[in-house]
C-alpha atoms as a PDB file:
ATOM      1  CA  MET A   1      22.300  -3.246   8.075  1.00  0.00           C
ATOM      2  CA  ALA A   2      22.012  -2.400  11.730  1.00  0.00           C
ATOM      3  CA  VAL A   3      18.903  -2.984  13.790  1.00  0.00           C
ATOM      4  CA  SER A   4      17.986   0.051  15.843  1.00  0.00           C
ATOM      5  CA  LYS A   5      16.647  -0.104  19.370  1.00  0.00           C
ATOM      6  CA  TYR A   6      13.030   0.624  20.147  1.00  0.00           C
ATOM      7  CA  ASP A   7      12.501   4.321  19.638  1.00  0.00           C
ATOM      8  CA  LYS A   8       9.851   6.183  21.618  1.00  0.00           C
ATOM      9  CA  GLU A   9       9.278   8.556  18.707  1.00  0.00           C
ATOM     10  CA  ASP A  10       9.059   5.643  16.262  1.00  0.00           C
ATOM     11  CA  PRO A  11       6.967   3.155  18.274  1.00  0.00           C
ATOM     12  CA  LEU A  12       6.132  -0.448  17.491  1.00  0.00           C
ATOM     13  CA  ILE A  13       8.564  -3.036  16.148  1.00  0.00           C
ATOM     14  CA  PRO A  14      12.356  -2.665  15.853  1.00  0.00           C
ATOM     15  CA  HIS A  15      13.242  -1.065  12.538  1.00  0.00           C
ATOM     16  CA  VAL A  16      15.934  -2.218  10.139  1.00  0.00           C
ATOM     17  CA  GLU A  17      17.881   0.951   9.423  1.00  0.00           C
ATOM     18  CA  LEU A  18      19.247   1.107   5.913  1.00  0.00           C
ATOM     19  CA  PRO A  19      22.594   2.955   5.739  1.00  0.00           C
ATOM     20  CA  GLY A  20      21.118   5.359   3.183  1.00  0.00           C
ATOM     21  CA  LEU A  21      18.284   6.394   5.510  1.00  0.00           C
ATOM     22  CA  THR A  22      20.695   6.914   8.394  1.00  0.00           C
ATOM     23  CA  SER A  23      22.863   9.133   6.191  1.00  0.00           C
ATOM     24  CA  ALA A  24      19.764  10.976   4.972  1.00  0.00           C
ATOM     25  CA  TYR A  25      18.733  11.859   8.530  1.00  0.00           C
ATOM     26  CA  LYS A  26      22.277  13.025   9.403  1.00  0.00           C
ATOM     27  CA  THR A  27      22.359  15.168   6.260  1.00  0.00           C
ATOM     28  CA  VAL A  28      18.992  16.723   7.074  1.00  0.00           C
ATOM     29  CA  ARG A  29      20.229  17.601  10.563  1.00  0.00           C
ATOM     30  CA  LEU A  30      23.344  19.245   9.131  1.00  0.00           C
ATOM     31  CA  LEU A  31      21.188  21.309   6.762  1.00  0.00           C
ATOM     32  CA  GLY A  32      19.044  22.530   9.649  1.00  0.00           C
ATOM     33  CA  LEU A  33      15.909  20.802   8.359  1.00  0.00           C
ATOM     34  CA  LYS A  34      15.387  18.473  11.320  1.00  0.00           C
ATOM     35  CA  ARG A  35      12.051  20.064  12.271  1.00  0.00           C
ATOM     36  CA  LEU A  36      10.716  19.644   8.751  1.00  0.00           C
ATOM     37  CA  ALA A  37      11.787  15.995   8.686  1.00  0.00           C
ATOM     38  CA  ASP A  38      10.208  15.400  12.107  1.00  0.00           C
ATOM     39  CA  ARG A  39       6.952  16.942  10.889  1.00  0.00           C
ATOM     40  CA  PHE A  40       6.891  14.600   7.901  1.00  0.00           C
ATOM     41  CA  ALA A  41       7.810  11.702  10.206  1.00  0.00           C
ATOM     42  CA  ARG A  42       4.803  12.351  12.456  1.00  0.00           C
ATOM     43  CA  THR A  43       2.548  12.265   9.399  1.00  0.00           C
ATOM     44  CA  LEU A  44       4.143   9.201   7.832  1.00  0.00           C
ATOM     45  CA  THR A  45       4.636   7.085  10.978  1.00  0.00           C
ATOM     46  CA  PRO A  46       1.308   5.177  10.880  1.00  0.00           C
ATOM     47  CA  TYR A  47       1.685   4.575   7.142  1.00  0.00           C
ATOM     48  CA  VAL A  48       5.336   3.474   7.233  1.00  0.00           C
ATOM     49  CA  ILE A  49       4.769   1.148  10.180  1.00  0.00           C
ATOM     50  CA  GLY A  50       1.288  -0.039   9.218  1.00  0.00           C
ATOM     51  CA  SER A  51       2.376  -0.863   5.676  1.00  0.00           C
ATOM     52  CA  GLY A  52       4.960  -3.292   7.042  1.00  0.00           C
ATOM     53  CA  MET A  53       8.014  -1.273   5.996  1.00  0.00           C
ATOM     54  CA  LYS A  54      10.641  -2.142   8.592  1.00  0.00           C
ATOM     55  CA  VAL A  55      12.391   1.213   8.399  1.00  0.00           C
ATOM     56  CA  SER A  56      12.412   4.208  10.683  1.00  0.00           C
ATOM     57  CA  PRO A  57       9.699   6.752   9.810  1.00  0.00           C
ATOM     58  CA  ARG A  58      12.138   9.515  10.713  1.00  0.00           C
ATOM     59  CA  GLY A  59      14.748   8.160   8.305  1.00  0.00           C
ATOM     60  CA  TYR A  60      12.168   7.759   5.549  1.00  0.00           C
ATOM     61  CA  ALA A  61      10.872  11.288   6.125  1.00  0.00           C
ATOM     62  CA  SER A  62      14.454  12.545   5.800  1.00  0.00           C
ATOM     63  CA  LEU A  63      14.653  10.779   2.434  1.00  0.00           C
ATOM     64  CA  VAL A  64      11.507  12.637   1.320  1.00  0.00           C
ATOM     65  CA  VAL A  65      13.030  15.983   2.320  1.00  0.00           C
ATOM     66  CA  LEU A  66      16.351  15.262   0.601  1.00  0.00           C
ATOM     67  CA  SER A  67      14.663  14.081  -2.592  1.00  0.00           C
ATOM     68  CA  ALA A  68      12.678  17.331  -2.686  1.00  0.00           C
ATOM     69  CA  LEU A  69      15.935  19.297  -2.405  1.00  0.00           C
ATOM     70  CA  VAL A  70      18.229  17.291  -4.641  1.00  0.00           C
ATOM     71  CA  SER A  71      15.926  16.235  -7.485  1.00  0.00           C
ATOM     72  CA  PRO A  72      15.227  19.767  -8.861  1.00  0.00           C
ATOM     73  CA  LEU A  73      18.926  20.607  -8.720  1.00  0.00           C
ATOM     74  CA  ILE A  74      20.008  17.476 -10.600  1.00  0.00           C
ATOM     75  CA  PHE A  75      17.313  17.827 -13.259  1.00  0.00           C
ATOM     76  CA  PHE A  76      18.055  21.532 -13.659  1.00  0.00           C
ATOM     77  CA  VAL A  77      21.721  20.819 -14.295  1.00  0.00           C
ATOM     78  CA  ILE A  78      20.934  18.048 -16.786  1.00  0.00           C
ATOM     79  CA  GLY A  79      18.458  20.258 -18.651  1.00  0.00           C
ATOM     80  CA  TYR A  80      20.871  23.190 -18.709  1.00  0.00           C
ATOM     81  CA  VAL A  81      23.677  21.050 -20.120  1.00  0.00           C
ATOM     82  CA  VAL A  82      21.451  19.538 -22.812  1.00  0.00           C
ATOM     83  CA  LYS A  83      19.408  22.536 -23.975  1.00  0.00           C
ATOM     84  CA  GLY A  84      20.132  25.507 -21.751  1.00  0.00           C
ATOM     85  CA  ILE A  85      17.753  27.379 -19.469  1.00  0.00           C
ATOM     86  CA  ILE A  86      14.786  26.661 -21.757  1.00  0.00           C
ATOM     87  CA  LEU A  87      14.874  22.975 -20.870  1.00  0.00           C
ATOM     88  CA  ALA A  88      16.378  23.312 -17.390  1.00  0.00           C
ATOM     89  CA  ILE A  89      13.388  25.039 -15.776  1.00  0.00           C
ATOM     90  CA  PRO A  90      10.707  22.608 -17.084  1.00  0.00           C
ATOM     91  CA  MET A  91      12.849  19.620 -16.071  1.00  0.00           C
ATOM     92  CA  ALA A  92      13.347  21.050 -12.586  1.00  0.00           C
ATOM     93  CA  MET A  93       9.592  21.509 -12.252  1.00  0.00           C
ATOM     94  CA  ALA A  94       8.886  18.014 -13.575  1.00  0.00           C
ATOM     95  CA  SER A  95      11.279  16.539 -10.993  1.00  0.00           C
ATOM     96  CA  ALA A  96       8.614  17.153  -8.329  1.00  0.00           C
ATOM     97  CA  ILE A  97       7.246  13.739  -9.278  1.00  0.00           C
ATOM     98  CA  ILE A  98      10.210  12.078  -7.538  1.00  0.00           C
ATOM     99  CA  PRO A  99       9.656  13.368  -3.961  1.00  0.00           C
ATOM    100  CA  GLY A 100       5.917  13.025  -4.548  1.00  0.00           C
ATOM    101  CA  THR A 101       6.342   9.357  -5.421  1.00  0.00           C
ATOM    102  CA  VAL A 102       8.626   8.771  -2.432  1.00  0.00           C
ATOM    103  CA  TYR A 103       6.078  10.407  -0.134  1.00  0.00           C
ATOM    104  CA  LEU A 104       3.082   8.531  -1.545  1.00  0.00           C
ATOM    105  CA  TYR A 105       4.713   5.083  -1.629  1.00  0.00           C
ATOM    106  CA  PRO A 106       3.996   4.224   2.054  1.00  0.00           C
ATOM    107  CA  LEU A 107       0.418   5.448   1.650  1.00  0.00           C
ATOM    108  CA  MET A 108      -0.175   3.214  -1.360  1.00  0.00           C
ATOM    109  CA  LYS A 109       1.504   0.256   0.328  1.00  0.00           C
ATOM    110  CA  PHE A 110      -0.579   0.945   3.461  1.00  0.00           C
ATOM    111  CA  ARG A 111      -3.796   0.834   1.463  1.00  0.00           C
ATOM    112  CA  SER A 112      -2.753  -2.307  -0.386  1.00  0.00           C
ATOM    113  CA  ARG A 113      -1.932  -4.118   2.854  1.00  0.00           C
ATOM    114  CA  GLY A 114      -5.258  -3.003   4.333  1.00  0.00           C
ATOM    115  CA  ASP A 115      -7.172  -4.645   1.473  1.00  0.00           C
ATOM    116  CA  MET A 116      -5.322  -7.911   2.062  1.00  0.00           C
ATOM    117  CA  LEU A 117      -5.821  -7.809   5.837  1.00  0.00           C
ATOM    118  CA  ASP A 118      -9.553  -7.224   5.496  1.00  0.00           C
ATOM    119  CA  VAL A 119      -9.754 -10.625   3.791  1.00  0.00           C
ATOM    120  CA  LYS A 120      -7.493 -12.330   6.362  1.00  0.00           C
ATOM    121  CA  ILE A 121      -9.344 -10.947   9.395  1.00  0.00           C
ATOM    122  CA  LEU A 122     -11.341 -14.186   9.743  1.00  0.00           C
ATOM    123  CA  ASN A 123      -8.089 -16.101  10.289  1.00  0.00           C
ATOM    124  CA  LEU A 124      -7.092 -13.724  13.087  1.00  0.00           C
ATOM    125  CA  GLU A 125     -10.497 -13.909  14.754  1.00  0.00           C
ATOM    126  CA  ALA A 126     -10.550 -17.716  14.624  1.00  0.00           C
ATOM    127  CA  ALA A 127      -7.013 -17.995  15.987  1.00  0.00           C
ATOM    128  CA  LEU A 128      -7.738 -15.451  18.728  1.00  0.00           C
ATOM    129  CA  ALA A 129     -10.911 -17.266  19.814  1.00  0.00           C
ATOM    130  CA  THR A 130      -9.035 -20.575  19.987  1.00  0.00           C
ATOM    131  CA  SER A 131      -6.176 -18.985  21.921  1.00  0.00           C
ATOM    132  CA  LEU A 132      -8.566 -17.357  24.406  1.00  0.00           C
ATOM    133  CA  ILE A 133     -10.183 -20.723  25.164  1.00  0.00           C
ATOM    134  CA  SER A 134      -6.831 -22.362  25.907  1.00  0.00           C
ATOM    135  CA  SER A 135      -5.115 -19.441  27.693  1.00  0.00           C
ATOM    136  CA  ALA A 136      -5.174 -18.361  31.315  1.00  0.00           C
ATOM    137  CA  SER A 137      -5.517 -14.640  30.526  1.00  0.00           C
ATOM    138  CA  HIS A 138      -6.272 -12.253  27.698  1.00  0.00           C
ATOM    139  CA  GLU A 139      -2.643 -11.130  27.604  1.00  0.00           C
ATOM    140  CA  GLU A 140      -1.418 -14.699  27.251  1.00  0.00           C
ATOM    141  CA  ALA A 141      -3.900 -15.297  24.447  1.00  0.00           C
ATOM    142  CA  PHE A 142      -2.394 -12.506  22.361  1.00  0.00           C
ATOM    143  CA  LEU A 143       1.195 -13.513  23.147  1.00  0.00           C
ATOM    144  CA  ASN A 144       0.442 -17.078  22.044  1.00  0.00           C
ATOM    145  CA  LEU A 145      -0.461 -15.724  18.598  1.00  0.00           C
ATOM    146  CA  LEU A 146       2.948 -14.097  18.102  1.00  0.00           C
ATOM    147  CA  PRO A 147       4.622 -17.196  16.545  1.00  0.00           C
ATOM    148  CA  LEU A 148       1.734 -17.335  14.055  1.00  0.00           C
ATOM    149  CA  SER A 149       1.846 -13.619  13.216  1.00  0.00           C
ATOM    150  CA  ASP A 150       3.431 -14.078   9.780  1.00  0.00           C
ATOM    151  CA  VAL A 151       1.007 -16.840   8.849  1.00  0.00           C
ATOM    152  CA  LEU A 152      -2.004 -14.822   9.989  1.00  0.00           C
ATOM    153  CA  GLY A 153      -0.742 -11.729   8.165  1.00  0.00           C
ATOM    154  CA  PHE A 154      -1.051  -9.439  11.201  1.00  0.00           C
ATOM    155  CA  ASP A 155       2.624  -9.509  12.154  1.00  0.00           C
ATOM    156  CA  VAL A 156       2.890  -5.731  12.622  1.00  0.00           C
ATOM    157  CA  GLU A 157      -0.174  -5.510  14.863  1.00  0.00           C
ATOM    158  CA  LEU A 158       0.627  -8.566  16.995  1.00  0.00           C
ATOM    159  CA  ARG A 159       4.239  -7.484  17.481  1.00  0.00           C
ATOM    160  CA  GLU A 160       3.044  -4.058  18.542  1.00  0.00           C
ATOM    161  CA  ILE A 161       0.764  -5.623  21.130  1.00  0.00           C
ATOM    162  CA  ALA A 162       3.558  -7.907  22.342  1.00  0.00           C
ATOM    163  CA  LYS A 163       5.969  -4.972  22.547  1.00  0.00           C
ATOM    164  CA  GLY A 164       3.514  -3.013  24.657  1.00  0.00           C
ATOM    165  CA  LEU A 165       2.887  -5.947  26.995  1.00  0.00           C
ATOM    166  CA  ILE A 166       6.449  -7.212  27.379  1.00  0.00           C
ATOM    167  CA  HIS A 167       8.803  -4.282  26.879  1.00  0.00           C
ATOM    168  CA  GLU A 168       6.702  -1.354  28.045  1.00  0.00           C
ATOM    169  CA  ARG A 169       4.528  -3.137  30.614  1.00  0.00           C
ATOM    170  CA  LEU A 170       1.381  -1.531  29.207  1.00  0.00           C
ATOM    171  CA  PRO A 171      -2.104  -2.787  30.015  1.00  0.00           C
ATOM    172  CA  LEU A 172      -3.569  -4.900  27.232  1.00  0.00           C
ATOM    173  CA  THR A 173      -6.204  -2.253  26.545  1.00  0.00           C
ATOM    174  CA  ASP A 174      -3.551   0.396  25.833  1.00  0.00           C
ATOM    175  CA  ALA A 175      -1.626  -2.002  23.588  1.00  0.00           C
ATOM    176  CA  LEU A 176      -4.815  -2.755  21.667  1.00  0.00           C
ATOM    177  CA  ILE A 177      -5.487   0.946  21.097  1.00  0.00           C
ATOM    178  CA  ARG A 178      -1.957   1.466  19.747  1.00  0.00           C
ATOM    179  CA  ALA A 179      -2.384  -1.478  17.401  1.00  0.00           C
ATOM    180  CA  SER A 180      -5.695  -0.076  16.170  1.00  0.00           C
ATOM    181  CA  GLN A 181      -4.004   3.227  15.339  1.00  0.00           C
ATOM    182  CA  ILE A 182      -1.478   1.720  12.930  1.00  0.00           C
ATOM    183  CA  THR A 183      -3.341  -1.141  11.293  1.00  0.00           C
ATOM    184  CA  PRO A 184      -4.448  -0.393   7.721  1.00  0.00           C
ATOM    185  CA  SER A 185      -7.436  -2.711   8.123  1.00  0.00           C
ATOM    186  CA  ARG A 186     -10.619  -0.968   9.261  1.00  0.00           C
ATOM    187  CA  THR A 187     -12.051  -4.302  10.405  1.00  0.00           C
ATOM    188  CA  ALA A 188      -8.982  -5.060  12.526  1.00  0.00           C
ATOM    189  CA  ALA A 189      -9.102  -1.568  14.016  1.00  0.00           C
ATOM    190  CA  LEU A 190     -12.748  -2.110  14.990  1.00  0.00           C
ATOM    191  CA  LEU A 191     -11.819  -5.486  16.483  1.00  0.00           C
ATOM    192  CA  PHE A 192      -9.024  -4.048  18.634  1.00  0.00           C
ATOM    193  CA  GLU A 193     -11.054  -1.027  19.735  1.00  0.00           C
ATOM    194  CA  GLY A 194     -14.046  -3.209  20.539  1.00  0.00           C
ATOM    195  CA  LEU A 195     -11.901  -5.658  22.524  1.00  0.00           C
ATOM    196  CA  LYS A 196     -10.557  -2.737  24.534  1.00  0.00           C
ATOM    197  CA  GLY A 197     -14.077  -1.701  25.494  1.00  0.00           C
ATOM    198  CA  ILE A 198     -15.203  -5.263  26.194  1.00  0.00           C
ATOM    199  CA  ILE A 199     -12.196  -5.959  28.434  1.00  0.00           C
ATOM    200  CA  ASP A 200     -12.736  -2.705  30.333  1.00  0.00           C
ATOM    201  CA  SER A 201     -16.395  -3.531  30.908  1.00  0.00           C
ATOM    202  CA  GLY A 202     -15.738  -7.150  31.871  1.00  0.00           C
ATOM    203  CA  ALA A 203     -18.202  -8.484  29.298  1.00  0.00           C
ATOM    204  CA  GLY A 204     -17.758 -11.717  27.354  1.00  0.00           C
ATOM    205  CA  VAL A 205     -14.750 -11.414  25.043  1.00  0.00           C
ATOM    206  CA  LEU A 206     -15.491 -14.636  23.153  1.00  0.00           C
ATOM    207  CA  GLU A 207     -19.044 -13.580  22.425  1.00  0.00           C
ATOM    208  CA  TYR A 208     -17.750 -10.305  20.959  1.00  0.00           C
ATOM    209  CA  ILE A 209     -15.220 -12.145  18.771  1.00  0.00           C
ATOM    210  CA  TYR A 210     -17.938 -14.495  17.515  1.00  0.00           C
ATOM    211  CA  TRP A 211     -20.108 -11.491  16.628  1.00  0.00           C
ATOM    212  CA  MET A 212     -17.190  -9.774  14.861  1.00  0.00           C
ATOM    213  CA  ALA A 213     -16.405 -12.975  12.951  1.00  0.00           C
ATOM    214  CA  SER A 214     -19.982 -13.136  11.702  1.00  0.00           C
ATOM    215  CA  SER A 215     -19.823  -9.490  10.617  1.00  0.00           C
ATOM    216  CA  SER A 216     -16.414  -9.999   9.007  1.00  0.00           C
ATOM    217  CA  TYR A 217     -17.724 -12.992   7.066  1.00  0.00           C
ATOM    218  CA  ASN A 218     -20.486 -10.858   5.575  1.00  0.00           C
ATOM    219  CA  ASP A 219     -17.992  -8.129   4.673  1.00  0.00           C
ATOM    220  CA  VAL A 220     -15.599 -10.578   3.019  1.00  0.00           C
ATOM    221  CA  GLU A 221     -18.471 -12.154   1.100  1.00  0.00           C
ATOM    222  CA  ALA A 222     -19.498  -8.706  -0.156  1.00  0.00           C
ATOM    223  CA  LYS A 223     -15.895  -7.980  -1.231  1.00  0.00           C
ATOM    224  CA  TYR A 224     -15.733 -11.234  -3.191  1.00  0.00           C
ATOM    225  CA  ARG A 225     -19.055 -10.472  -4.839  1.00  0.00           C
ATOM    226  CA  ALA A 226     -17.897  -6.980  -5.839  1.00  0.00           C
ATOM    227  CA  ALA A 227     -14.602  -8.386  -7.138  1.00  0.00           C
ATOM    228  CA  PHE A 228     -16.480 -11.004  -9.179  1.00  0.00           C
ATOM    229  CA  ASN A 229     -18.631  -8.283 -10.766  1.00  0.00           C
ATOM    230  CA  SER A 230     -15.542  -6.201 -11.565  1.00  0.00           C
ATOM    231  CA  LEU A 231     -13.804  -9.197 -13.123  1.00  0.00           C
ATOM    232  CA  SER A 232     -16.871  -9.918 -15.223  1.00  0.00           C
ATOM    233  CA  VAL A 233     -16.817  -6.390 -16.629  1.00  0.00           C
ATOM    234  CA  LEU A 234     -13.063  -6.599 -17.249  1.00  0.00           C
ATOM    235  CA  MET A 235     -13.361  -9.900 -19.101  1.00  0.00           C
ATOM    236  CA  GLU A 236     -16.093  -8.458 -21.314  1.00  0.00           C
ATOM    237  CA  THR A 237     -13.833  -5.487 -21.988  1.00  0.00           C
ATOM    238  CA  TYR A 238     -10.961  -7.867 -22.705  1.00  0.00           C
ATOM    239  CA  MET A 239     -13.033  -9.728 -25.288  1.00  0.00           C
ATOM    240  CA  ALA A 240     -14.107  -6.465 -26.875  1.00  0.00           C
ATOM    241  CA  VAL A 241     -10.535  -5.187 -27.068  1.00  0.00           C
ATOM    242  CA  ALA A 242      -9.002  -8.445 -28.264  1.00  0.00           C
ATOM    243  CA  VAL A 243     -11.647  -9.266 -30.872  1.00  0.00           C
ATOM    244  CA  LEU A 244     -13.431  -6.099 -31.930  1.00  0.00           C
ATOM    245  CA  MET A 245     -10.734  -3.414 -31.784  1.00  0.00           C
ATOM    246  CA  PRO A 246      -8.654  -4.721 -34.719  1.00  0.00           C
ATOM    247  CA  ILE A 247     -11.784  -5.109 -36.853  1.00  0.00           C
ATOM    248  CA  VAL A 248     -13.103  -1.644 -35.988  1.00  0.00           C
ATOM    249  CA  VAL A 249      -9.759   0.102 -36.487  1.00  0.00           C
ATOM    250  CA  ILE A 250      -9.015  -1.656 -39.773  1.00  0.00           C
ATOM    251  CA  ALA A 251     -12.504  -0.840 -41.056  1.00  0.00           C
ATOM    252  CA  ALA A 252     -12.000   2.794 -40.049  1.00  0.00           C
ATOM    253  CA  LEU A 253      -8.635   2.900 -41.847  1.00  0.00           C
ATOM    254  CA  ILE A 254     -10.152   1.450 -45.009  1.00  0.00           C
ATOM    255  CA  THR A 255     -12.915   4.042 -44.848  1.00  0.00           C
ATOM    256  CA  LEU A 256     -10.490   6.920 -44.322  1.00  0.00           C
ATOM    257  CA  PHE A 257      -8.185   5.829 -47.120  1.00  0.00           C
ATOM    258  CA  GLY A 258     -11.185   5.542 -49.371  1.00  0.00           C
ATOM    259  CA  MET A 259     -11.888   9.214 -48.604  1.00  0.00           C
ATOM    260  CA  GLY A 260      -8.391  10.342 -49.457  1.00  0.00           C
ATOM    261  CA  ASN A 261      -9.562  13.677 -50.810  1.00  0.00           C
ATOM    262  CA  PHE A 262     -11.006  14.639 -47.441  1.00  0.00           C
ATOM    263  CA  PHE A 263      -8.482  12.913 -45.137  1.00  0.00           C
ATOM    264  CA  PRO A 264      -5.051  12.941 -46.753  1.00  0.00           C
ATOM    265  CA  ILE A 265      -3.055  10.221 -44.960  1.00  0.00           C
ATOM    266  CA  THR A 266       0.540   9.634 -45.975  1.00  0.00           C
ATOM    267  CA  VAL A 267       1.291   6.620 -43.755  1.00  0.00           C
ATOM    268  CA  ASN A 268       1.167   3.199 -45.359  1.00  0.00           C
ATOM    269  CA  PRO A 269      -2.055   1.483 -44.166  1.00  0.00           C
ATOM    270  CA  ARG A 270      -0.155  -1.785 -43.724  1.00  0.00           C
ATOM    271  CA  TYR A 271       1.999  -0.155 -41.031  1.00  0.00           C
ATOM    272  CA  LEU A 272      -1.038   1.155 -39.188  1.00  0.00           C
ATOM    273  CA  THR A 273      -2.779  -2.212 -39.395  1.00  0.00           C
ATOM    274  CA  SER A 274       0.318  -4.007 -38.091  1.00  0.00           C
ATOM    275  CA  LEU A 275       0.650  -1.461 -35.289  1.00  0.00           C
ATOM    276  CA  VAL A 276      -2.929  -2.029 -34.164  1.00  0.00           C
ATOM    277  CA  SER A 277      -2.891  -5.817 -34.543  1.00  0.00           C
ATOM    278  CA  PHE A 278       0.521  -6.644 -33.096  1.00  0.00           C
ATOM    279  CA  PHE A 279       1.157  -3.837 -30.593  1.00  0.00           C
ATOM    280  CA  LEU A 280      -1.864  -1.816 -29.460  1.00  0.00           C
ATOM    281  CA  THR A 281      -4.260  -4.761 -29.084  1.00  0.00           C
ATOM    282  CA  PRO A 282      -1.831  -6.965 -27.072  1.00  0.00           C
ATOM    283  CA  LEU A 283      -0.783  -4.017 -24.903  1.00  0.00           C
ATOM    284  CA  SER A 284      -4.409  -3.180 -24.138  1.00  0.00           C
ATOM    285  CA  ALA A 285      -5.118  -6.804 -23.267  1.00  0.00           C
ATOM    286  CA  ILE A 286      -2.049  -6.946 -21.011  1.00  0.00           C
ATOM    287  CA  GLY A 287      -3.208  -3.792 -19.229  1.00  0.00           C
ATOM    288  CA  ILE A 288      -6.631  -5.332 -18.581  1.00  0.00           C
ATOM    289  CA  LEU A 289      -5.049  -8.544 -17.274  1.00  0.00           C
ATOM    290  CA  ILE A 290      -2.815  -6.558 -14.927  1.00  0.00           C
ATOM    291  CA  ILE A 291      -5.874  -4.780 -13.500  1.00  0.00           C
ATOM    292  CA  ALA A 292      -7.624  -8.137 -13.085  1.00  0.00           C
ATOM    293  CA  ASP A 293      -4.604  -9.581 -11.283  1.00  0.00           C
ATOM    294  CA  SER A 294      -4.501  -6.612  -8.915  1.00  0.00           C
ATOM    295  CA  ILE A 295      -8.177  -7.206  -8.025  1.00  0.00           C
ATOM    296  CA  VAL A 296      -7.572 -10.902  -7.385  1.00  0.00           C
ATOM    297  CA  SER A 297      -4.379 -10.300  -5.377  1.00  0.00           C
ATOM    298  CA  ARG A 298      -6.256  -8.060  -2.910  1.00  0.00           C
ATOM    299  CA  LEU A 299      -8.643 -10.895  -2.166  1.00  0.00           C
ATOM    300  CA  ARG A 300      -6.062 -13.668  -2.019  1.00  0.00           C
ATOM    301  CA  PRO A 301      -6.184 -15.235   1.491  1.00  0.00           C
END
């Protein structure tokens, strides 16, 4: 994999260019679809970068365009070979899920990272306040946080600020605005935008960070409370599914088989009971546990 240089059209950190994405962009240019890919790239840039995907938004947008072109053709051919035109057309239409999934993946990853950053914002605010106390300038305070960017979780935002200060010689206020435009965390965006205004006005930066930390603490506490309520409901559902569903379904089967004249059922009731007890109930419980884990993972510091 080759690391590309900083690209003015794909700002922020250096991107790791996968060979497939490079080939996708070259193919799109040869097909005369460069403008379409660039339009998708402008839309996807904040999501691709803000989600932490270290790839070029332009290359990823080219992959979206190619998947929209190639997927219907491949599925059409497969359907035609298997069943003729009757199956080929529905399969070609169903293939739209592939480019749709490719397009939506950065958006979902962006949202997921935003949930995690909203919980970690207190770490950033505490580290920034400490760095401001021990630094000679605001710029130095942010640059001192760069080695801790991975630990704090705000590696994309802090590298963007450092890139603006070091490589592009931007004022700190401009670098903060750019970071606020790509962060998936609303709280972090408010922090960066507020710091820009405070620095411009010459007011107390530390006092603003202390106020934001207090507000962030209340927000995080509310998120934990909401997550606890959701987990409580899920656990009650889990108990209902794991304990009551087999009893209810088996009782319903016994009732239906007892009314054979009205509900003629040809399947052996033992098979249905085994299906409910050993497959449907565990699968339902696993699904509930997966949802619970996703709630907890968003709040994991």
